[in-house]
Amino acid sequence: MGYAKTASTETRPWGAFTVLAEGPRYKVKRIVVKPQGRLSLQSHKHRSEHWTVAFGVATATVGDAVLTLTPGQSVDIALGERHRLENFAEVDLELIEVQFGDYLGEDDIVRYEDAYARV
């Protein structure tokens, strides 16, 4: 079984994530999105994702659908599907993300829109 050797947290303009576990074809992250934070509208060439909300209320765009997810609810994002995560609340949003694929690097992101002018 693969576990993260040291759980390190990486910060982003929208919040932060911590890798909790990883193996040859999977990675598990704890993601915290600050109030009013939003990730870029993006897709991935090498992985699918599964998001489960632990605390707060998530607004998840998956393809053409915009979903409101509360604690215990989840959504699957297929490989290549455009998606975005947003937190319109006044408290942190916490979720668990499970990635599956043949490459799980942070550079596997195709950005279509980004509030923080990242490419």
PDB file of N, CA and C in Angstrom:
ATOM      1  N   MET A   1       0.852  -1.169   0.000  1.00  0.00           N
ATOM      2  CA  MET A   1       0.000   0.000   0.000  1.00  0.00           C
ATOM      3  C   MET A   1       0.898   1.232   0.000  1.00  0.00           C
ATOM      4  N   GLY A   2       0.537   2.262  -0.768  1.00  0.00           N
ATOM      5  CA  GLY A   2       1.349   3.465  -0.835  1.00  0.00           C
ATOM      6  C   GLY A   2       0.815   4.555   0.077  1.00  0.00           C
ATOM      7  N   TYR A   3       1.692   5.122   0.836  1.00  0.00           N
ATOM      8  CA  TYR A   3       1.346   6.245   1.693  1.00  0.00           C
ATOM      9  C   TYR A   3       2.300   7.383   1.394  1.00  0.00           C
ATOM     10  N   ALA A   4       1.849   8.588   1.565  1.00  0.00           N
ATOM     11  CA  ALA A   4       2.747   9.720   1.413  1.00  0.00           C
ATOM     12  C   ALA A   4       3.798   9.622   2.516  1.00  0.00           C
ATOM     13  N   LYS A   5       5.066   9.738   2.128  1.00  0.00           N
ATOM     14  CA  LYS A   5       6.131   9.624   3.120  1.00  0.00           C
ATOM     15  C   LYS A   5       6.045  10.750   4.146  1.00  0.00           C
ATOM     16  N   THR A   6       5.857  11.946   3.672  1.00  0.00           N
ATOM     17  CA  THR A   6       5.675  13.099   4.536  1.00  0.00           C
ATOM     18  C   THR A   6       4.517  13.888   3.951  1.00  0.00           C
ATOM     19  N   ALA A   7       3.495  14.099   4.737  1.00  0.00           N
ATOM     20  CA  ALA A   7       2.336  14.843   4.244  1.00  0.00           C
ATOM     21  C   ALA A   7       2.721  16.313   4.171  1.00  0.00           C
ATOM     22  N   SER A   8       3.036  16.779   2.969  1.00  0.00           N
ATOM     23  CA  SER A   8       3.400  18.182   2.801  1.00  0.00           C
ATOM     24  C   SER A   8       2.240  18.921   2.162  1.00  0.00           C
ATOM     25  N   THR A   9       2.054  20.135   2.606  1.00  0.00           N
ATOM     26  CA  THR A   9       0.960  20.958   2.102  1.00  0.00           C
ATOM     27  C   THR A   9       1.508  21.966   1.112  1.00  0.00           C
ATOM     28  N   GLU A  10       0.844  22.066  -0.040  1.00  0.00           N
ATOM     29  CA  GLU A  10       1.208  23.056  -1.052  1.00  0.00           C
ATOM     30  C   GLU A  10       0.111  24.103  -1.105  1.00  0.00           C
ATOM     31  N   THR A  11       0.510  25.371  -1.090  1.00  0.00           N
ATOM     32  CA  THR A  11      -0.471  26.451  -1.148  1.00  0.00           C
ATOM     33  C   THR A  11      -0.678  26.888  -2.592  1.00  0.00           C
ATOM     34  N   ARG A  12      -1.881  27.360  -2.849  1.00  0.00           N
ATOM     35  CA  ARG A  12      -2.275  27.904  -4.139  1.00  0.00           C
ATOM     36  C   ARG A  12      -3.054  29.189  -3.866  1.00  0.00           C
ATOM     37  N   PRO A  13      -3.309  30.021  -4.881  1.00  0.00           N
ATOM     38  CA  PRO A  13      -4.066  31.264  -4.645  1.00  0.00           C
ATOM     39  C   PRO A  13      -5.457  31.020  -4.061  1.00  0.00           C
ATOM     40  N   TRP A  14      -6.056  29.873  -4.360  1.00  0.00           N
ATOM     41  CA  TRP A  14      -7.411  29.534  -3.919  1.00  0.00           C
ATOM     42  C   TRP A  14      -7.452  28.812  -2.575  1.00  0.00           C
ATOM     43  N   GLY A  15      -6.298  28.346  -2.065  1.00  0.00           N
ATOM     44  CA  GLY A  15      -6.275  27.573  -0.820  1.00  0.00           C
ATOM     45  C   GLY A  15      -5.039  26.714  -0.740  1.00  0.00           C
ATOM     46  N   ALA A  16      -5.214  25.394  -0.487  1.00  0.00           N
ATOM     47  CA  ALA A  16      -4.070  24.494  -0.342  1.00  0.00           C
ATOM     48  C   ALA A  16      -4.506  23.049  -0.524  1.00  0.00           C
ATOM     49  N   PHE A  17      -3.514  22.175  -0.752  1.00  0.00           N
ATOM     50  CA  PHE A  17      -3.795  20.740  -0.772  1.00  0.00           C
ATOM     51  C   PHE A  17      -2.662  19.993  -0.094  1.00  0.00           C
ATOM     52  N   THR A  18      -3.003  18.838   0.456  1.00  0.00           N
ATOM     53  CA  THR A  18      -2.044  17.950   1.103  1.00  0.00           C
ATOM     54  C   THR A  18      -2.208  16.560   0.491  1.00  0.00           C
ATOM     55  N   VAL A  19      -1.121  15.963   0.047  1.00  0.00           N
ATOM     56  CA  VAL A  19      -1.163  14.594  -0.465  1.00  0.00           C
ATOM     57  C   VAL A  19      -1.171  13.652   0.732  1.00  0.00           C
ATOM     58  N   LEU A  20      -2.227  12.861   0.848  1.00  0.00           N
ATOM     59  CA  LEU A  20      -2.385  11.937   1.972  1.00  0.00           C
ATOM     60  C   LEU A  20      -1.837  10.550   1.667  1.00  0.00           C
ATOM     61  N   ALA A  21      -1.967  10.105   0.421  1.00  0.00           N
ATOM     62  CA  ALA A  21      -1.496   8.773   0.023  1.00  0.00           C
ATOM     63  C   ALA A  21      -1.312   8.759  -1.483  1.00  0.00           C
ATOM     64  N   GLU A  22      -0.384   7.906  -1.941  1.00  0.00           N
ATOM     65  CA  GLU A  22      -0.221   7.745  -3.379  1.00  0.00           C
ATOM     66  C   GLU A  22       0.408   6.402  -3.689  1.00  0.00           C
ATOM     67  N   GLY A  23       0.080   5.948  -4.889  1.00  0.00           N
ATOM     68  CA  GLY A  23       0.605   4.687  -5.387  1.00  0.00           C
ATOM     69  C   GLY A  23       0.878   4.829  -6.866  1.00  0.00           C
ATOM     70  N   PRO A  24       1.142   3.724  -7.551  1.00  0.00           N
ATOM     71  CA  PRO A  24       1.514   3.792  -8.970  1.00  0.00           C
ATOM     72  C   PRO A  24       0.450   4.426  -9.869  1.00  0.00           C
ATOM     73  N   ARG A  25      -0.838   4.272  -9.563  1.00  0.00           N
ATOM     74  CA  ARG A  25      -1.893   4.807 -10.438  1.00  0.00           C
ATOM     75  C   ARG A  25      -2.945   5.611  -9.675  1.00  0.00           C
ATOM     76  N   TYR A  26      -2.653   5.988  -8.429  1.00  0.00           N
ATOM     77  CA  TYR A  26      -3.629   6.767  -7.663  1.00  0.00           C
ATOM     78  C   TYR A  26      -2.920   7.755  -6.748  1.00  0.00           C
ATOM     79  N   LYS A  27      -3.656   8.810  -6.394  1.00  0.00           N
ATOM     80  CA  LYS A  27      -3.197   9.806  -5.425  1.00  0.00           C
ATOM     81  C   LYS A  27      -4.423  10.289  -4.673  1.00  0.00           C
ATOM     82  N   VAL A  28      -4.291  10.447  -3.357  1.00  0.00           N
ATOM     83  CA  VAL A  28      -5.376  10.939  -2.508  1.00  0.00           C
ATOM     84  C   VAL A  28      -4.931  12.254  -1.888  1.00  0.00           C
ATOM     85  N   LYS A  29      -5.762  13.293  -2.063  1.00  0.00           N
ATOM     86  CA  LYS A  29      -5.444  14.627  -1.542  1.00  0.00           C
ATOM     87  C   LYS A  29      -6.562  15.133  -0.633  1.00  0.00           C
ATOM     88  N   ARG A  30      -6.176  15.924   0.342  1.00  0.00           N
ATOM     89  CA  ARG A  30      -7.117  16.744   1.113  1.00  0.00           C
ATOM     90  C   ARG A  30      -6.981  18.148   0.532  1.00  0.00           C
ATOM     91  N   ILE A  31      -8.084  18.687   0.024  1.00  0.00           N
ATOM     92  CA  ILE A  31      -8.087  20.006  -0.602  1.00  0.00           C
ATOM     93  C   ILE A  31      -8.900  20.961   0.263  1.00  0.00           C
ATOM     94  N   VAL A  32      -8.347  22.145   0.515  1.00  0.00           N
ATOM     95  CA  VAL A  32      -9.054  23.196   1.243  1.00  0.00           C
ATOM     96  C   VAL A  32      -9.149  24.407   0.319  1.00  0.00           C
ATOM     97  N   VAL A  33     -10.386  24.836   0.058  1.00  0.00           N
ATOM     98  CA  VAL A  33     -10.627  26.010  -0.777  1.00  0.00           C
ATOM     99  C   VAL A  33     -11.109  27.125   0.142  1.00  0.00           C
ATOM    100  N   LYS A  34     -10.386  28.249   0.122  1.00  0.00           N
ATOM    101  CA  LYS A  34     -10.733  29.396   0.953  1.00  0.00           C
ATOM    102  C   LYS A  34     -12.098  29.974   0.546  1.00  0.00           C
ATOM    103  N   PRO A  35     -12.733  30.702   1.457  1.00  0.00           N
ATOM    104  CA  PRO A  35     -13.980  31.380   1.093  1.00  0.00           C
ATOM    105  C   PRO A  35     -13.779  32.253  -0.149  1.00  0.00           C
ATOM    106  N   GLN A  36     -14.687  32.139  -1.083  1.00  0.00           N
ATOM    107  CA  GLN A  36     -14.680  32.853  -2.358  1.00  0.00           C
ATOM    108  C   GLN A  36     -13.568  32.385  -3.290  1.00  0.00           C
ATOM    109  N   GLY A  37     -12.907  31.269  -2.969  1.00  0.00           N
ATOM    110  CA  GLY A  37     -11.856  30.733  -3.824  1.00  0.00           C
ATOM    111  C   GLY A  37     -12.435  29.916  -4.962  1.00  0.00           C
ATOM    112  N   ARG A  38     -11.678  29.859  -6.058  1.00  0.00           N
ATOM    113  CA  ARG A  38     -12.128  29.071  -7.209  1.00  0.00           C
ATOM    114  C   ARG A  38     -10.913  28.545  -7.954  1.00  0.00           C
ATOM    115  N   LEU A  39     -10.961  27.276  -8.280  1.00  0.00           N
ATOM    116  CA  LEU A  39      -9.917  26.675  -9.087  1.00  0.00           C
ATOM    117  C   LEU A  39     -10.183  26.999 -10.544  1.00  0.00           C
ATOM    118  N   SER A  40      -9.190  26.835 -11.380  1.00  0.00           N
ATOM    119  CA  SER A  40      -9.369  27.114 -12.804  1.00  0.00           C
ATOM    120  C   SER A  40     -10.324  26.107 -13.437  1.00  0.00           C
ATOM    121  N   LEU A  41     -10.981  26.540 -14.515  1.00  0.00           N
ATOM    122  CA  LEU A  41     -11.732  25.608 -15.345  1.00  0.00           C
ATOM    123  C   LEU A  41     -10.666  24.839 -16.104  1.00  0.00           C
ATOM    124  N   GLN A  42     -10.646  23.513 -15.922  1.00  0.00           N
ATOM    125  CA  GLN A  42      -9.522  22.729 -16.406  1.00  0.00           C
ATOM    126  C   GLN A  42      -9.949  21.335 -16.832  1.00  0.00           C
ATOM    127  N   SER A  43      -9.008  20.633 -17.440  1.00  0.00           N
ATOM    128  CA  SER A  43      -9.168  19.214 -17.723  1.00  0.00           C
ATOM    129  C   SER A  43      -7.810  18.557 -17.559  1.00  0.00           C
ATOM    130  N   HIS A  44      -7.803  17.224 -17.583  1.00  0.00           N
ATOM    131  CA  HIS A  44      -6.567  16.457 -17.434  1.00  0.00           C
ATOM    132  C   HIS A  44      -6.483  15.428 -18.558  1.00  0.00           C
ATOM    133  N   LYS A  45      -5.285  15.235 -19.100  1.00  0.00           N
ATOM    134  CA  LYS A  45      -5.068  14.285 -20.192  1.00  0.00           C
ATOM    135  C   LYS A  45      -4.786  12.873 -19.692  1.00  0.00           C
ATOM    136  N   HIS A  46      -4.381  12.750 -18.420  1.00  0.00           N
ATOM    137  CA  HIS A  46      -3.897  11.454 -17.944  1.00  0.00           C
ATOM    138  C   HIS A  46      -4.625  10.911 -16.721  1.00  0.00           C
ATOM    139  N   ARG A  47      -5.605  11.639 -16.188  1.00  0.00           N
ATOM    140  CA  ARG A  47      -6.245  11.157 -14.969  1.00  0.00           C
ATOM    141  C   ARG A  47      -7.718  11.534 -14.894  1.00  0.00           C
ATOM    142  N   SER A  48      -8.448  10.717 -14.149  1.00  0.00           N
ATOM    143  CA  SER A  48      -9.811  11.047 -13.743  1.00  0.00           C
ATOM    144  C   SER A  48      -9.738  11.418 -12.261  1.00  0.00           C
ATOM    145  N   GLU A  49     -10.812  12.016 -11.752  1.00  0.00           N
ATOM    146  CA  GLU A  49     -10.842  12.427 -10.345  1.00  0.00           C
ATOM    147  C   GLU A  49     -12.197  12.105  -9.737  1.00  0.00           C
ATOM    148  N   HIS A  50     -12.183  11.937  -8.425  1.00  0.00           N
ATOM    149  CA  HIS A  50     -13.408  11.734  -7.646  1.00  0.00           C
ATOM    150  C   HIS A  50     -13.307  12.673  -6.456  1.00  0.00           C
ATOM    151  N   TRP A  51     -14.311  13.568  -6.302  1.00  0.00           N
ATOM    152  CA  TRP A  51     -14.323  14.525  -5.201  1.00  0.00           C
ATOM    153  C   TRP A  51     -15.415  14.150  -4.211  1.00  0.00           C
ATOM    154  N   THR A  52     -15.091  14.140  -2.923  1.00  0.00           N
ATOM    155  CA  THR A  52     -16.071  13.957  -1.858  1.00  0.00           C
ATOM    156  C   THR A  52     -15.940  15.121  -0.888  1.00  0.00           C
ATOM    157  N   VAL A  53     -17.044  15.818  -0.641  1.00  0.00           N
ATOM    158  CA  VAL A  53     -17.030  16.963   0.265  1.00  0.00           C
ATOM    159  C   VAL A  53     -17.023  16.466   1.709  1.00  0.00           C
ATOM    160  N   ALA A  54     -16.092  17.004   2.503  1.00  0.00           N
ATOM    161  CA  ALA A  54     -16.002  16.666   3.923  1.00  0.00           C
ATOM    162  C   ALA A  54     -16.607  17.764   4.794  1.00  0.00           C
ATOM    163  N   PHE A  55     -16.415  19.031   4.394  1.00  0.00           N
ATOM    164  CA  PHE A  55     -16.926  20.160   5.172  1.00  0.00           C
ATOM    165  C   PHE A  55     -17.178  21.324   4.231  1.00  0.00           C
ATOM    166  N   GLY A  56     -18.289  22.009   4.428  1.00  0.00           N
ATOM    167  CA  GLY A  56     -18.614  23.165   3.607  1.00  0.00           C
ATOM    168  C   GLY A  56     -19.532  22.793   2.457  1.00  0.00           C
ATOM    169  N   VAL A  57     -19.674  23.731   1.534  1.00  0.00           N
ATOM    170  CA  VAL A  57     -20.535  23.544   0.361  1.00  0.00           C
ATOM    171  C   VAL A  57     -19.707  23.848  -0.886  1.00  0.00           C
ATOM    172  N   ALA A  58     -19.632  22.875  -1.775  1.00  0.00           N
ATOM    173  CA  ALA A  58     -18.862  23.027  -3.011  1.00  0.00           C
ATOM    174  C   ALA A  58     -19.788  23.319  -4.171  1.00  0.00           C
ATOM    175  N   THR A  59     -19.345  24.191  -5.051  1.00  0.00           N
ATOM    176  CA  THR A  59     -19.977  24.350  -6.350  1.00  0.00           C
ATOM    177  C   THR A  59     -19.029  23.710  -7.347  1.00  0.00           C
ATOM    178  N   ALA A  60     -19.477  22.641  -7.970  1.00  0.00           N
ATOM    179  CA  ALA A  60     -18.643  21.871  -8.893  1.00  0.00           C
ATOM    180  C   ALA A  60     -19.211  21.969 -10.298  1.00  0.00           C
ATOM    181  N   THR A  61     -18.393  22.442 -11.221  1.00  0.00           N
ATOM    182  CA  THR A  61     -18.753  22.428 -12.626  1.00  0.00           C
ATOM    183  C   THR A  61     -18.107  21.190 -13.225  1.00  0.00           C
ATOM    184  N   VAL A  62     -18.924  20.327 -13.831  1.00  0.00           N
ATOM    185  CA  VAL A  62     -18.439  19.107 -14.467  1.00  0.00           C
ATOM    186  C   VAL A  62     -19.106  19.029 -15.833  1.00  0.00           C
ATOM    187  N   GLY A  63     -18.318  19.244 -16.874  1.00  0.00           N
ATOM    188  CA  GLY A  63     -18.901  19.344 -18.205  1.00  0.00           C
ATOM    189  C   GLY A  63     -19.816  20.558 -18.257  1.00  0.00           C
ATOM    190  N   ASP A  64     -21.072  20.361 -18.662  1.00  0.00           N
ATOM    191  CA  ASP A  64     -22.048  21.451 -18.720  1.00  0.00           C
ATOM    192  C   ASP A  64     -22.871  21.578 -17.449  1.00  0.00           C
ATOM    193  N   ALA A  65     -22.692  20.668 -16.499  1.00  0.00           N
ATOM    194  CA  ALA A  65     -23.494  20.671 -15.268  1.00  0.00           C
ATOM    195  C   ALA A  65     -22.808  21.486 -14.170  1.00  0.00           C
ATOM    196  N   VAL A  66     -23.610  22.234 -13.411  1.00  0.00           N
ATOM    197  CA  VAL A  66     -23.121  22.936 -12.228  1.00  0.00           C
ATOM    198  C   VAL A  66     -23.849  22.336 -11.033  1.00  0.00           C
ATOM    199  N   LEU A  67     -23.089  21.728 -10.126  1.00  0.00           N
ATOM    200  CA  LEU A  67     -23.650  20.983  -9.001  1.00  0.00           C
ATOM    201  C   LEU A  67     -23.320  21.657  -7.683  1.00  0.00           C
ATOM    202  N   THR A  68     -24.232  21.569  -6.730  1.00  0.00           N
ATOM    203  CA  THR A  68     -23.979  21.992  -5.359  1.00  0.00           C
ATOM    204  C   THR A  68     -23.825  20.729  -4.525  1.00  0.00           C
ATOM    205  N   LEU A  69     -22.658  20.589  -3.891  1.00  0.00           N
ATOM    206  CA  LEU A  69     -22.350  19.389  -3.114  1.00  0.00           C
ATOM    207  C   LEU A  69     -22.148  19.756  -1.648  1.00  0.00           C
ATOM    208  N   THR A  70     -22.771  18.983  -0.768  1.00  0.00           N
ATOM    209  CA  THR A  70     -22.660  19.183   0.675  1.00  0.00           C
ATOM    210  C   THR A  70     -21.916  17.991   1.286  1.00  0.00           C
ATOM    211  N   PRO A  71     -21.559  18.054   2.572  1.00  0.00           N
ATOM    212  CA  PRO A  71     -20.777  16.975   3.171  1.00  0.00           C
ATOM    213  C   PRO A  71     -21.371  15.586   2.918  1.00  0.00           C
ATOM    214  N   GLY A  72     -20.494  14.677   2.487  1.00  0.00           N
ATOM    215  CA  GLY A  72     -20.893  13.314   2.172  1.00  0.00           C
ATOM    216  C   GLY A  72     -21.251  13.102   0.714  1.00  0.00           C
ATOM    217  N   GLN A  73     -21.483  14.172  -0.033  1.00  0.00           N
ATOM    218  CA  GLN A  73     -21.801  14.038  -1.448  1.00  0.00           C
ATOM    219  C   GLN A  73     -20.527  14.053  -2.280  1.00  0.00           C
ATOM    220  N   SER A  74     -20.597  13.415  -3.443  1.00  0.00           N
ATOM    221  CA  SER A  74     -19.402  13.311  -4.276  1.00  0.00           C
ATOM    222  C   SER A  74     -19.758  13.415  -5.751  1.00  0.00           C
ATOM    223  N   VAL A  75     -18.712  13.561  -6.570  1.00  0.00           N
ATOM    224  CA  VAL A  75     -18.873  13.646  -8.015  1.00  0.00           C
ATOM    225  C   VAL A  75     -17.650  13.025  -8.672  1.00  0.00           C
ATOM    226  N   ASP A  76     -17.872  12.394  -9.811  1.00  0.00           N
ATOM    227  CA  ASP A  76     -16.799  11.820 -10.613  1.00  0.00           C
ATOM    228  C   ASP A  76     -16.499  12.736 -11.787  1.00  0.00           C
ATOM    229  N   ILE A  77     -15.218  12.920 -12.069  1.00  0.00           N
ATOM    230  CA  ILE A  77     -14.786  13.704 -13.208  1.00  0.00           C
ATOM    231  C   ILE A  77     -14.019  12.767 -14.138  1.00  0.00           C
ATOM    232  N   ALA A  78     -14.551  12.531 -15.306  1.00  0.00           N
ATOM    233  CA  ALA A  78     -13.936  11.608 -16.263  1.00  0.00           C
ATOM    234  C   ALA A  78     -12.667  12.212 -16.861  1.00  0.00           C
ATOM    235  N   LEU A  79     -11.795  11.368 -17.314  1.00  0.00           N
ATOM    236  CA  LEU A  79     -10.577  11.783 -17.996  1.00  0.00           C
ATOM    237  C   LEU A  79     -10.955  12.713 -19.151  1.00  0.00           C
ATOM    238  N   GLY A  80     -10.314  13.878 -19.217  1.00  0.00           N
ATOM    239  CA  GLY A  80     -10.553  14.820 -20.305  1.00  0.00           C
ATOM    240  C   GLY A  80     -11.739  15.740 -20.120  1.00  0.00           C
ATOM    241  N   GLU A  81     -12.535  15.550 -19.066  1.00  0.00           N
ATOM    242  CA  GLU A  81     -13.731  16.373 -18.864  1.00  0.00           C
ATOM    243  C   GLU A  81     -13.367  17.710 -18.211  1.00  0.00           C
ATOM    244  N   ARG A  82     -13.951  18.783 -18.737  1.00  0.00           N
ATOM    245  CA  ARG A  82     -13.727  20.110 -18.143  1.00  0.00           C
ATOM    246  C   ARG A  82     -14.423  20.177 -16.796  1.00  0.00           C
ATOM    247  N   HIS A  83     -13.730  20.768 -15.809  1.00  0.00           N
ATOM    248  CA  HIS A  83     -14.291  20.850 -14.461  1.00  0.00           C
ATOM    249  C   HIS A  83     -13.688  22.025 -13.692  1.00  0.00           C
ATOM    250  N   ARG A  84     -14.416  22.419 -12.646  1.00  0.00           N
ATOM    251  CA  ARG A  84     -13.973  23.513 -11.776  1.00  0.00           C
ATOM    252  C   ARG A  84     -14.591  23.300 -10.404  1.00  0.00           C
ATOM    253  N   LEU A  85     -13.876  23.737  -9.380  1.00  0.00           N
ATOM    254  CA  LEU A  85     -14.348  23.689  -8.006  1.00  0.00           C
ATOM    255  C   LEU A  85     -14.359  25.111  -7.465  1.00  0.00           C
ATOM    256  N   GLU A  86     -15.480  25.510  -6.802  1.00  0.00           N
ATOM    257  CA  GLU A  86     -15.609  26.861  -6.264  1.00  0.00           C
ATOM    258  C   GLU A  86     -16.211  26.807  -4.867  1.00  0.00           C
ATOM    259  N   ASN A  87     -15.861  27.811  -4.056  1.00  0.00           N
ATOM    260  CA  ASN A  87     -16.394  27.942  -2.704  1.00  0.00           C
ATOM    261  C   ASN A  87     -16.988  29.335  -2.557  1.00  0.00           C
ATOM    262  N   PHE A  88     -18.303  29.438  -2.651  1.00  0.00           N
ATOM    263  CA  PHE A  88     -18.983  30.724  -2.521  1.00  0.00           C
ATOM    264  C   PHE A  88     -19.346  31.041  -1.074  1.00  0.00           C
ATOM    265  N   ALA A  89     -19.050  30.138  -0.151  1.00  0.00           N
ATOM    266  CA  ALA A  89     -19.420  30.303   1.263  1.00  0.00           C
ATOM    267  C   ALA A  89     -18.409  31.207   1.983  1.00  0.00           C
ATOM    268  N   GLU A  90     -18.703  31.464   3.247  1.00  0.00           N
ATOM    269  CA  GLU A  90     -17.837  32.299   4.080  1.00  0.00           C
ATOM    270  C   GLU A  90     -16.934  31.470   4.994  1.00  0.00           C
ATOM    271  N   VAL A  91     -16.932  30.143   4.803  1.00  0.00           N
ATOM    272  CA  VAL A  91     -16.070  29.241   5.569  1.00  0.00           C
ATOM    273  C   VAL A  91     -15.283  28.371   4.590  1.00  0.00           C
ATOM    274  N   ASP A  92     -14.179  27.796   5.066  1.00  0.00           N
ATOM    275  CA  ASP A  92     -13.381  26.916   4.216  1.00  0.00           C
ATOM    276  C   ASP A  92     -14.203  25.736   3.708  1.00  0.00           C
ATOM    277  N   LEU A  93     -13.896  25.306   2.501  1.00  0.00           N
ATOM    278  CA  LEU A  93     -14.432  24.079   1.912  1.00  0.00           C
ATOM    279  C   LEU A  93     -13.338  23.030   2.002  1.00  0.00           C
ATOM    280  N   GLU A  94     -13.662  21.862   2.545  1.00  0.00           N
ATOM    281  CA  GLU A  94     -12.694  20.767   2.615  1.00  0.00           C
ATOM    282  C   GLU A  94     -13.248  19.576   1.847  1.00  0.00           C
ATOM    283  N   LEU A  95     -12.396  18.975   1.010  1.00  0.00           N
ATOM    284  CA  LEU A  95     -12.833  17.779   0.309  1.00  0.00           C
ATOM    285  C   LEU A  95     -11.666  16.824   0.134  1.00  0.00           C
ATOM    286  N   ILE A  96     -12.018  15.604  -0.150  1.00  0.00           N
ATOM    287  CA  ILE A  96     -11.039  14.572  -0.460  1.00  0.00           C
ATOM    288  C   ILE A  96     -11.124  14.312  -1.958  1.00  0.00           C
ATOM    289  N   GLU A  97      -9.973  14.368  -2.601  1.00  0.00           N
ATOM    290  CA  GLU A  97      -9.884  14.101  -4.032  1.00  0.00           C
ATOM    291  C   GLU A  97      -9.088  12.818  -4.228  1.00  0.00           C
ATOM    292  N   VAL A  98      -9.633  11.905  -5.014  1.00  0.00           N
ATOM    293  CA  VAL A  98      -8.916  10.692  -5.385  1.00  0.00           C
ATOM    294  C   VAL A  98      -8.674  10.754  -6.889  1.00  0.00           C
ATOM    295  N   GLN A  99      -7.409  10.719  -7.274  1.00  0.00           N
ATOM    296  CA  GLN A  99      -7.022  10.741  -8.679  1.00  0.00           C
ATOM    297  C   GLN A  99      -6.656   9.328  -9.121  1.00  0.00           C
ATOM    298  N   PHE A 100      -7.042   8.966 -10.343  1.00  0.00           N
ATOM    299  CA  PHE A 100      -6.692   7.682 -10.941  1.00  0.00           C
ATOM    300  C   PHE A 100      -6.120   7.952 -12.329  1.00  0.00           C
ATOM    301  N   GLY A 101      -5.001   7.328 -12.668  1.00  0.00           N
ATOM    302  CA  GLY A 101      -4.471   7.499 -14.009  1.00  0.00           C
ATOM    303  C   GLY A 101      -3.048   7.027 -14.154  1.00  0.00           C
ATOM    304  N   ASP A 102      -2.531   7.147 -15.391  1.00  0.00           N
ATOM    305  CA  ASP A 102      -1.179   6.677 -15.657  1.00  0.00           C
ATOM    306  C   ASP A 102      -0.128   7.740 -15.387  1.00  0.00           C
ATOM    307  N   TYR A 103      -0.550   8.984 -15.166  1.00  0.00           N
ATOM    308  CA  TYR A 103       0.372  10.061 -14.780  1.00  0.00           C
ATOM    309  C   TYR A 103      -0.389  11.012 -13.873  1.00  0.00           C
ATOM    310  N   LEU A 104       0.166  11.335 -12.706  1.00  0.00           N
ATOM    311  CA  LEU A 104      -0.552  12.123 -11.703  1.00  0.00           C
ATOM    312  C   LEU A 104       0.195  13.394 -11.319  1.00  0.00           C
ATOM    313  N   GLY A 105       1.071  13.870 -12.169  1.00  0.00           N
ATOM    314  CA  GLY A 105       1.833  15.079 -11.885  1.00  0.00           C
ATOM    315  C   GLY A 105       0.968  16.328 -11.891  1.00  0.00           C
ATOM    316  N   GLU A 106       1.413  17.337 -11.138  1.00  0.00           N
ATOM    317  CA  GLU A 106       0.678  18.603 -11.057  1.00  0.00           C
ATOM    318  C   GLU A 106       0.675  19.350 -12.391  1.00  0.00           C
ATOM    319  N   ASP A 107       1.551  18.985 -13.313  1.00  0.00           N
ATOM    320  CA  ASP A 107       1.582  19.661 -14.606  1.00  0.00           C
ATOM    321  C   ASP A 107       0.603  19.068 -15.626  1.00  0.00           C
ATOM    322  N   ASP A 108      -0.186  18.082 -15.218  1.00  0.00           N
ATOM    323  CA  ASP A 108      -1.222  17.524 -16.104  1.00  0.00           C
ATOM    324  C   ASP A 108      -2.505  18.340 -15.961  1.00  0.00           C
ATOM    325  N   ILE A 109      -2.414  19.623 -16.300  1.00  0.00           N
ATOM    326  CA  ILE A 109      -3.576  20.513 -16.223  1.00  0.00           C
ATOM    327  C   ILE A 109      -3.642  21.317 -17.517  1.00  0.00           C
ATOM    328  N   VAL A 110      -4.793  21.249 -18.178  1.00  0.00           N
ATOM    329  CA  VAL A 110      -5.091  22.126 -19.308  1.00  0.00           C
ATOM    330  C   VAL A 110      -6.068  23.157 -18.761  1.00  0.00           C
ATOM    331  N   ARG A 111      -5.647  24.422 -18.687  1.00  0.00           N
ATOM    332  CA  ARG A 111      -6.503  25.484 -18.137  1.00  0.00           C
ATOM    333  C   ARG A 111      -7.233  26.203 -19.265  1.00  0.00           C
ATOM    334  N   TYR A 112      -8.549  26.409 -19.056  1.00  0.00           N
ATOM    335  CA  TYR A 112      -9.376  27.138 -20.018  1.00  0.00           C
ATOM    336  C   TYR A 112      -9.715  28.533 -19.505  1.00  0.00           C
ATOM    337  N   GLU A 113      -9.905  28.653 -18.190  1.00  0.00           N
ATOM    338  CA  GLU A 113     -10.167  29.936 -17.525  1.00  0.00           C
ATOM    339  C   GLU A 113      -9.486  29.890 -16.181  1.00  0.00           C
ATOM    340  N   ASP A 114      -8.900  31.021 -15.752  1.00  0.00           N
ATOM    341  CA  ASP A 114      -8.257  31.044 -14.449  1.00  0.00           C
ATOM    342  C   ASP A 114      -8.354  32.441 -13.857  1.00  0.00           C
ATOM    343  N   ALA A 115      -8.914  32.538 -12.656  1.00  0.00           N
ATOM    344  CA  ALA A 115      -9.107  33.818 -11.976  1.00  0.00           C
ATOM    345  C   ALA A 115      -7.780  34.434 -11.521  1.00  0.00           C
ATOM    346  N   TYR A 116      -6.714  33.636 -11.511  1.00  0.00           N
ATOM    347  CA  TYR A 116      -5.422  34.087 -10.998  1.00  0.00           C
ATOM    348  C   TYR A 116      -4.389  34.254 -12.097  1.00  0.00           C
ATOM    349  N   ALA A 117      -4.831  34.261 -13.372  1.00  0.00           N
ATOM    350  CA  ALA A 117      -3.987  34.498 -14.549  1.00  0.00           C
ATOM    351  C   ALA A 117      -2.853  33.480 -14.678  1.00  0.00           C
ATOM    352  N   ARG A 118      -3.084  32.239 -14.227  1.00  0.00           N
ATOM    353  CA  ARG A 118      -2.097  31.182 -14.444  1.00  0.00           C
ATOM    354  C   ARG A 118      -2.343  30.563 -15.817  1.00  0.00           C
ATOM    355  N   VAL A 119      -1.309  30.006 -16.414  1.00  0.00           N
ATOM    356  CA  VAL A 119      -1.453  29.355 -17.723  1.00  0.00           C
ATOM    357  C   VAL A 119      -1.339  27.858 -17.582  1.00  0.00           C
TER     358      VAL A 119
END
